[in-house]
Amino acid sequence: MASSDELISCAFGLFEGGGGVRPRRMFGERLVYLNDKPAVLTRDDVAFVKVHPRLDGILPGAEKASPYPGAKER
């Protein structure tokens, strides 16, 4: 099942005012780029946010999961 437009809009809202934000279809889903770097992958209406130390204070205790089997945790 493809991710909804509402989820993509929400992902855009996360980065509002943060620079160049753009979506790109990839693997049948969408990847949201922030300043030309991948930041959020959507799959089956779930947003997978790239792990980054700056997010620890914003998303403490956030559940971590792999967007697809064999994906590397980065």
PDB file of N, CA and C in Angstrom:
ATOM      1  N   MET A   1       0.843  -1.167   0.000  1.00  0.00           N
ATOM      2  CA  MET A   1       0.000   0.000   0.000  1.00  0.00           C
ATOM      3  C   MET A   1       0.895   1.239   0.000  1.00  0.00           C
ATOM      4  N   ALA A   2       0.647   2.158  -0.890  1.00  0.00           N
ATOM      5  CA  ALA A   2       1.421   3.393  -0.988  1.00  0.00           C
ATOM      6  C   ALA A   2       1.047   4.344   0.137  1.00  0.00           C
ATOM      7  N   SER A   3       1.982   5.202   0.468  1.00  0.00           N
ATOM      8  CA  SER A   3       1.740   6.186   1.525  1.00  0.00           C
ATOM      9  C   SER A   3       0.819   7.286   1.031  1.00  0.00           C
ATOM     10  N   SER A   4       0.048   7.828   1.960  1.00  0.00           N
ATOM     11  CA  SER A   4      -0.929   8.852   1.610  1.00  0.00           C
ATOM     12  C   SER A   4      -0.286  10.219   1.424  1.00  0.00           C
ATOM     13  N   ASP A   5      -0.994  11.075   0.709  1.00  0.00           N
ATOM     14  CA  ASP A   5      -0.528  12.450   0.522  1.00  0.00           C
ATOM     15  C   ASP A   5      -0.490  13.194   1.853  1.00  0.00           C
ATOM     16  N   GLU A   6      -1.371  12.816   2.785  1.00  0.00           N
ATOM     17  CA  GLU A   6      -1.389  13.449   4.100  1.00  0.00           C
ATOM     18  C   GLU A   6      -0.085  13.192   4.856  1.00  0.00           C
ATOM     19  N   LEU A   7       0.442  11.978   4.735  1.00  0.00           N
ATOM     20  CA  LEU A   7       1.698  11.647   5.406  1.00  0.00           C
ATOM     21  C   LEU A   7       2.847  12.466   4.815  1.00  0.00           C
ATOM     22  N   ILE A   8       2.865  12.613   3.509  1.00  0.00           N
ATOM     23  CA  ILE A   8       3.911  13.398   2.859  1.00  0.00           C
ATOM     24  C   ILE A   8       3.808  14.848   3.301  1.00  0.00           C
ATOM     25  N   SER A   9       2.611  15.372   3.401  1.00  0.00           N
ATOM     26  CA  SER A   9       2.422  16.749   3.874  1.00  0.00           C
ATOM     27  C   SER A   9       2.939  16.903   5.297  1.00  0.00           C
ATOM     28  N   CYS A  10       2.706  15.909   6.124  1.00  0.00           N
ATOM     29  CA  CYS A  10       3.191  15.933   7.500  1.00  0.00           C
ATOM     30  C   CYS A  10       4.713  15.926   7.523  1.00  0.00           C
ATOM     31  N   ALA A  11       5.326  15.103   6.683  1.00  0.00           N
ATOM     32  CA  ALA A  11       6.789  15.056   6.610  1.00  0.00           C
ATOM     33  C   ALA A  11       7.349  16.410   6.181  1.00  0.00           C
ATOM     34  N   PHE A  12       6.671  17.063   5.251  1.00  0.00           N
ATOM     35  CA  PHE A  12       7.087  18.404   4.818  1.00  0.00           C
ATOM     36  C   PHE A  12       7.005  19.375   5.993  1.00  0.00           C
ATOM     37  N   GLY A  13       5.959  19.238   6.806  1.00  0.00           N
ATOM     38  CA  GLY A  13       5.775  20.121   7.952  1.00  0.00           C
ATOM     39  C   GLY A  13       6.898  20.005   8.966  1.00  0.00           C
ATOM     40  N   LEU A  14       7.498  18.807   9.076  1.00  0.00           N
ATOM     41  CA  LEU A  14       8.613  18.617  10.000  1.00  0.00           C
ATOM     42  C   LEU A  14       9.786  19.528   9.675  1.00  0.00           C
ATOM     43  N   PHE A  15       9.957  19.823   8.397  1.00  0.00           N
ATOM     44  CA  PHE A  15      11.125  20.568   7.954  1.00  0.00           C
ATOM     45  C   PHE A  15      10.801  21.983   7.504  1.00  0.00           C
ATOM     46  N   GLU A  16       9.621  22.453   7.852  1.00  0.00           N
ATOM     47  CA  GLU A  16       9.195  23.791   7.449  1.00  0.00           C
ATOM     48  C   GLU A  16      10.237  24.833   7.873  1.00  0.00           C
ATOM     49  N   GLY A  17      10.674  25.629   6.929  1.00  0.00           N
ATOM     50  CA  GLY A  17      11.669  26.663   7.193  1.00  0.00           C
ATOM     51  C   GLY A  17      13.085  26.130   7.274  1.00  0.00           C
ATOM     52  N   GLY A  18      13.263  24.839   6.981  1.00  0.00           N
ATOM     53  CA  GLY A  18      14.587  24.235   7.099  1.00  0.00           C
ATOM     54  C   GLY A  18      15.383  24.188   5.814  1.00  0.00           C
ATOM     55  N   GLY A  19      14.887  24.772   4.762  1.00  0.00           N
ATOM     56  CA  GLY A  19      15.629  24.742   3.501  1.00  0.00           C
ATOM     57  C   GLY A  19      14.857  24.035   2.417  1.00  0.00           C
ATOM     58  N   GLY A  20      15.586  23.561   1.436  1.00  0.00           N
ATOM     59  CA  GLY A  20      14.989  22.915   0.275  1.00  0.00           C
ATOM     60  C   GLY A  20      14.428  21.551   0.613  1.00  0.00           C
ATOM     61  N   VAL A  21      13.112  21.418   0.595  1.00  0.00           N
ATOM     62  CA  VAL A  21      12.439  20.154   0.879  1.00  0.00           C
ATOM     63  C   VAL A  21      11.754  19.699  -0.401  1.00  0.00           C
ATOM     64  N   ARG A  22      11.989  18.441  -0.777  1.00  0.00           N
ATOM     65  CA  ARG A  22      11.340  17.922  -1.980  1.00  0.00           C
ATOM     66  C   ARG A  22      11.121  16.421  -1.852  1.00  0.00           C
ATOM     67  N   PRO A  23      10.019  15.938  -2.396  1.00  0.00           N
ATOM     68  CA  PRO A  23       9.775  14.492  -2.383  1.00  0.00           C
ATOM     69  C   PRO A  23      10.238  13.865  -3.695  1.00  0.00           C
ATOM     70  N   ARG A  24      10.506  12.584  -3.645  1.00  0.00           N
ATOM     71  CA  ARG A  24      10.853  11.856  -4.864  1.00  0.00           C
ATOM     72  C   ARG A  24      10.332  10.437  -4.711  1.00  0.00           C
ATOM     73  N   ARG A  25       9.676   9.956  -5.743  1.00  0.00           N
ATOM     74  CA  ARG A  25       9.178   8.577  -5.716  1.00  0.00           C
ATOM     75  C   ARG A  25      10.368   7.631  -5.825  1.00  0.00           C
ATOM     76  N   MET A  26      10.347   6.610  -4.940  1.00  0.00           N
ATOM     77  CA  MET A  26      11.438   5.655  -4.923  1.00  0.00           C
ATOM     78  C   MET A  26      10.925   4.345  -4.357  1.00  0.00           C
ATOM     79  N   PHE A  27      11.214   3.251  -4.998  1.00  0.00           N
ATOM     80  CA  PHE A  27      10.799   1.922  -4.542  1.00  0.00           C
ATOM     81  C   PHE A  27       9.291   1.818  -4.403  1.00  0.00           C
ATOM     82  N   GLY A  28       8.538   2.562  -5.182  1.00  0.00           N
ATOM     83  CA  GLY A  28       7.085   2.540  -5.093  1.00  0.00           C
ATOM     84  C   GLY A  28       6.548   3.392  -3.956  1.00  0.00           C
ATOM     85  N   GLU A  29       7.403   4.037  -3.214  1.00  0.00           N
ATOM     86  CA  GLU A  29       7.017   4.920  -2.116  1.00  0.00           C
ATOM     87  C   GLU A  29       7.651   6.280  -2.364  1.00  0.00           C
ATOM     88  N   ARG A  30       7.841   7.065  -1.311  1.00  0.00           N
ATOM     89  CA  ARG A  30       8.447   8.389  -1.480  1.00  0.00           C
ATOM     90  C   ARG A  30       9.563   8.597  -0.480  1.00  0.00           C
ATOM     91  N   LEU A  31      10.567   9.319  -0.938  1.00  0.00           N
ATOM     92  CA  LEU A  31      11.680   9.718  -0.104  1.00  0.00           C
ATOM     93  C   LEU A  31      11.671  11.232  -0.066  1.00  0.00           C
ATOM     94  N   VAL A  32      11.691  11.815   1.134  1.00  0.00           N
ATOM     95  CA  VAL A  32      11.681  13.262   1.279  1.00  0.00           C
ATOM     96  C   VAL A  32      13.113  13.709   1.547  1.00  0.00           C
ATOM     97  N   TYR A  33      13.573  14.634   0.732  1.00  0.00           N
ATOM     98  CA  TYR A  33      14.933  15.162   0.852  1.00  0.00           C
ATOM     99  C   TYR A  33      14.894  16.524   1.520  1.00  0.00           C
ATOM    100  N   LEU A  34      15.895  16.783   2.357  1.00  0.00           N
ATOM    101  CA  LEU A  34      16.091  18.086   2.973  1.00  0.00           C
ATOM    102  C   LEU A  34      17.468  18.562   2.543  1.00  0.00           C
ATOM    103  N   ASN A  35      17.492  19.666   1.810  1.00  0.00           N
ATOM    104  CA  ASN A  35      18.749  20.198   1.266  1.00  0.00           C
ATOM    105  C   ASN A  35      19.517  19.123   0.503  1.00  0.00           C
ATOM    106  N   ASP A  36      18.806  18.386  -0.343  1.00  0.00           N
ATOM    107  CA  ASP A  36      19.354  17.350  -1.210  1.00  0.00           C
ATOM    108  C   ASP A  36      19.928  16.139  -0.474  1.00  0.00           C
ATOM    109  N   LYS A  37      19.545  15.947   0.790  1.00  0.00           N
ATOM    110  CA  LYS A  37      19.962  14.766   1.541  1.00  0.00           C
ATOM    111  C   LYS A  37      18.711  14.027   1.999  1.00  0.00           C
ATOM    112  N   PRO A  38      18.695  12.683   1.882  1.00  0.00           N
ATOM    113  CA  PRO A  38      17.514  11.922   2.288  1.00  0.00           C
ATOM    114  C   PRO A  38      17.243  12.090   3.774  1.00  0.00           C
ATOM    115  N   ALA A  39      15.988  12.368   4.117  1.00  0.00           N
ATOM    116  CA  ALA A  39      15.637  12.607   5.518  1.00  0.00           C
ATOM    117  C   ALA A  39      14.505  11.701   5.995  1.00  0.00           C
ATOM    118  N   VAL A  40      13.494  11.489   5.151  1.00  0.00           N
ATOM    119  CA  VAL A  40      12.335  10.679   5.553  1.00  0.00           C
ATOM    120  C   VAL A  40      11.946   9.751   4.412  1.00  0.00           C
ATOM    121  N   LEU A  41      11.824   8.471   4.716  1.00  0.00           N
ATOM    122  CA  LEU A  41      11.323   7.494   3.758  1.00  0.00           C
ATOM    123  C   LEU A  41       9.947   7.085   4.239  1.00  0.00           C
ATOM    124  N   THR A  42       8.965   7.125   3.364  1.00  0.00           N
ATOM    125  CA  THR A  42       7.626   6.664   3.735  1.00  0.00           C
ATOM    126  C   THR A  42       7.398   5.293   3.127  1.00  0.00           C
ATOM    127  N   ARG A  43       6.761   4.440   3.912  1.00  0.00           N
ATOM    128  CA  ARG A  43       6.426   3.107   3.419  1.00  0.00           C
ATOM    129  C   ARG A  43       5.183   2.629   4.145  1.00  0.00           C
ATOM    130  N   ASP A  44       4.172   2.265   3.397  1.00  0.00           N
ATOM    131  CA  ASP A  44       2.910   1.761   3.955  1.00  0.00           C
ATOM    132  C   ASP A  44       2.349   2.701   5.018  1.00  0.00           C
ATOM    133  N   ASP A  45       2.376   3.992   4.716  1.00  0.00           N
ATOM    134  CA  ASP A  45       1.845   5.038   5.599  1.00  0.00           C
ATOM    135  C   ASP A  45       2.578   5.141   6.940  1.00  0.00           C
ATOM    136  N   VAL A  46       3.858   4.807   6.943  1.00  0.00           N
ATOM    137  CA  VAL A  46       4.726   4.993   8.108  1.00  0.00           C
ATOM    138  C   VAL A  46       5.906   5.837   7.655  1.00  0.00           C
ATOM    139  N   ALA A  47       6.259   6.845   8.451  1.00  0.00           N
ATOM    140  CA  ALA A  47       7.403   7.704   8.127  1.00  0.00           C
ATOM    141  C   ALA A  47       8.622   7.193   8.884  1.00  0.00           C
ATOM    142  N   PHE A  48       9.667   6.869   8.147  1.00  0.00           N
ATOM    143  CA  PHE A  48      10.932   6.447   8.732  1.00  0.00           C
ATOM    144  C   PHE A  48      11.885   7.627   8.622  1.00  0.00           C
ATOM    145  N   VAL A  49      12.196   8.229   9.769  1.00  0.00           N
ATOM    146  CA  VAL A  49      13.042   9.416   9.810  1.00  0.00           C
ATOM    147  C   VAL A  49      14.481   8.965  10.009  1.00  0.00           C
ATOM    148  N   LYS A  50      15.394   9.539   9.230  1.00  0.00           N
ATOM    149  CA  LYS A  50      16.795   9.178   9.336  1.00  0.00           C
ATOM    150  C   LYS A  50      17.310   9.494  10.743  1.00  0.00           C
ATOM    151  N   VAL A  51      18.031   8.541  11.326  1.00  0.00           N
ATOM    152  CA  VAL A  51      18.576   8.706  12.670  1.00  0.00           C
ATOM    153  C   VAL A  51      19.646   9.800  12.625  1.00  0.00           C
ATOM    154  N   HIS A  52      19.507  10.757  13.542  1.00  0.00           N
ATOM    155  CA  HIS A  52      20.463  11.859  13.613  1.00  0.00           C
ATOM    156  C   HIS A  52      20.556  12.306  15.070  1.00  0.00           C
ATOM    157  N   PRO A  53      21.772  12.579  15.568  1.00  0.00           N
ATOM    158  CA  PRO A  53      21.930  12.978  16.978  1.00  0.00           C
ATOM    159  C   PRO A  53      21.071  14.182  17.376  1.00  0.00           C
ATOM    160  N   ARG A  54      20.828  15.101  16.474  1.00  0.00           N
ATOM    161  CA  ARG A  54      20.023  16.283  16.796  1.00  0.00           C
ATOM    162  C   ARG A  54      18.572  15.932  17.114  1.00  0.00           C
ATOM    163  N   LEU A  55      18.131  14.772  16.655  1.00  0.00           N
ATOM    164  CA  LEU A  55      16.741  14.374  16.887  1.00  0.00           C
ATOM    165  C   LEU A  55      16.522  13.745  18.256  1.00  0.00           C
ATOM    166  N   ASP A  56      17.595  13.386  18.964  1.00  0.00           N
ATOM    167  CA  ASP A  56      17.441  12.743  20.270  1.00  0.00           C
ATOM    168  C   ASP A  56      16.625  13.598  21.232  1.00  0.00           C
ATOM    169  N   GLY A  57      16.827  14.911  21.222  1.00  0.00           N
ATOM    170  CA  GLY A  57      16.084  15.791  22.111  1.00  0.00           C
ATOM    171  C   GLY A  57      14.655  16.019  21.662  1.00  0.00           C
ATOM    172  N   ILE A  58      14.417  15.906  20.363  1.00  0.00           N
ATOM    173  CA  ILE A  58      13.086  16.147  19.802  1.00  0.00           C
ATOM    174  C   ILE A  58      12.218  14.896  19.883  1.00  0.00           C
ATOM    175  N   LEU A  59      12.835  13.747  19.648  1.00  0.00           N
ATOM    176  CA  LEU A  59      12.097  12.482  19.624  1.00  0.00           C
ATOM    177  C   LEU A  59      12.661  11.492  20.648  1.00  0.00           C
ATOM    178  N   PRO A  60      12.690  11.858  21.944  1.00  0.00           N
ATOM    179  CA  PRO A  60      13.255  10.937  22.934  1.00  0.00           C
ATOM    180  C   PRO A  60      12.424   9.663  23.031  1.00  0.00           C
ATOM    181  N   GLY A  61      13.105   8.556  23.039  1.00  0.00           N
ATOM    182  CA  GLY A  61      12.413   7.280  23.174  1.00  0.00           C
ATOM    183  C   GLY A  61      11.605   6.859  21.962  1.00  0.00           C
ATOM    184  N   ALA A  62      11.850   7.499  20.825  1.00  0.00           N
ATOM    185  CA  ALA A  62      11.099   7.150  19.610  1.00  0.00           C
ATOM    186  C   ALA A  62      11.410   5.711  19.198  1.00  0.00           C
ATOM    187  N   GLU A  63      10.390   5.029  18.755  1.00  0.00           N
ATOM    188  CA  GLU A  63      10.550   3.656  18.296  1.00  0.00           C
ATOM    189  C   GLU A  63      11.416   3.638  17.045  1.00  0.00           C
ATOM    190  N   LYS A  64      12.339   2.682  16.980  1.00  0.00           N
ATOM    191  CA  LYS A  64      13.193   2.527  15.803  1.00  0.00           C
ATOM    192  C   LYS A  64      12.790   1.258  15.076  1.00  0.00           C
ATOM    193  N   ALA A  65      12.766   1.336  13.767  1.00  0.00           N
ATOM    194  CA  ALA A  65      12.393   0.182  12.957  1.00  0.00           C
ATOM    195  C   ALA A  65      13.076   0.291  11.602  1.00  0.00           C
ATOM    196  N   SER A  66      13.152  -0.814  10.926  1.00  0.00           N
ATOM    197  CA  SER A  66      13.742  -0.865   9.595  1.00  0.00           C
ATOM    198  C   SER A  66      12.639  -0.686   8.557  1.00  0.00           C
ATOM    199  N   PRO A  67      12.860   0.173   7.546  1.00  0.00           N
ATOM    200  CA  PRO A  67      11.820   0.376   6.538  1.00  0.00           C
ATOM    201  C   PRO A  67      11.633  -0.820   5.608  1.00  0.00           C
ATOM    202  N   TYR A  68      12.653  -1.677   5.524  1.00  0.00           N
ATOM    203  CA  TYR A  68      12.560  -2.864   4.687  1.00  0.00           C
ATOM    204  C   TYR A  68      13.599  -3.871   5.170  1.00  0.00           C
ATOM    205  N   PRO A  69      13.389  -5.153   4.922  1.00  0.00           N
ATOM    206  CA  PRO A  69      14.345  -6.184   5.378  1.00  0.00           C
ATOM    207  C   PRO A  69      15.730  -5.937   4.788  1.00  0.00           C
ATOM    208  N   GLY A  70      16.732  -6.028   5.629  1.00  0.00           N
ATOM    209  CA  GLY A  70      18.109  -5.866   5.177  1.00  0.00           C
ATOM    210  C   GLY A  70      18.607  -4.441   5.173  1.00  0.00           C
ATOM    211  N   ALA A  71      17.776  -3.489   5.565  1.00  0.00           N
ATOM    212  CA  ALA A  71      18.197  -2.085   5.592  1.00  0.00           C
ATOM    213  C   ALA A  71      19.223  -1.883   6.697  1.00  0.00           C
ATOM    214  N   LYS A  72      20.225  -1.053   6.412  1.00  0.00           N
ATOM    215  CA  LYS A  72      21.247  -0.755   7.415  1.00  0.00           C
ATOM    216  C   LYS A  72      20.744   0.346   8.333  1.00  0.00           C
ATOM    217  N   GLU A  73      21.056   0.186   9.635  1.00  0.00           N
ATOM    218  CA  GLU A  73      20.733   1.269  10.563  1.00  0.00           C
ATOM    219  C   GLU A  73      21.854   2.280  10.472  1.00  0.00           C
ATOM    220  N   ARG A  74      21.481   3.518  10.212  1.00  0.00           N
ATOM    221  CA  ARG A  74      22.504   4.557  10.043  1.00  0.00           C
ATOM    222  C   ARG A  74      22.340   5.615  11.072  1.00  0.00           C
TER     223      ARG A  74
END
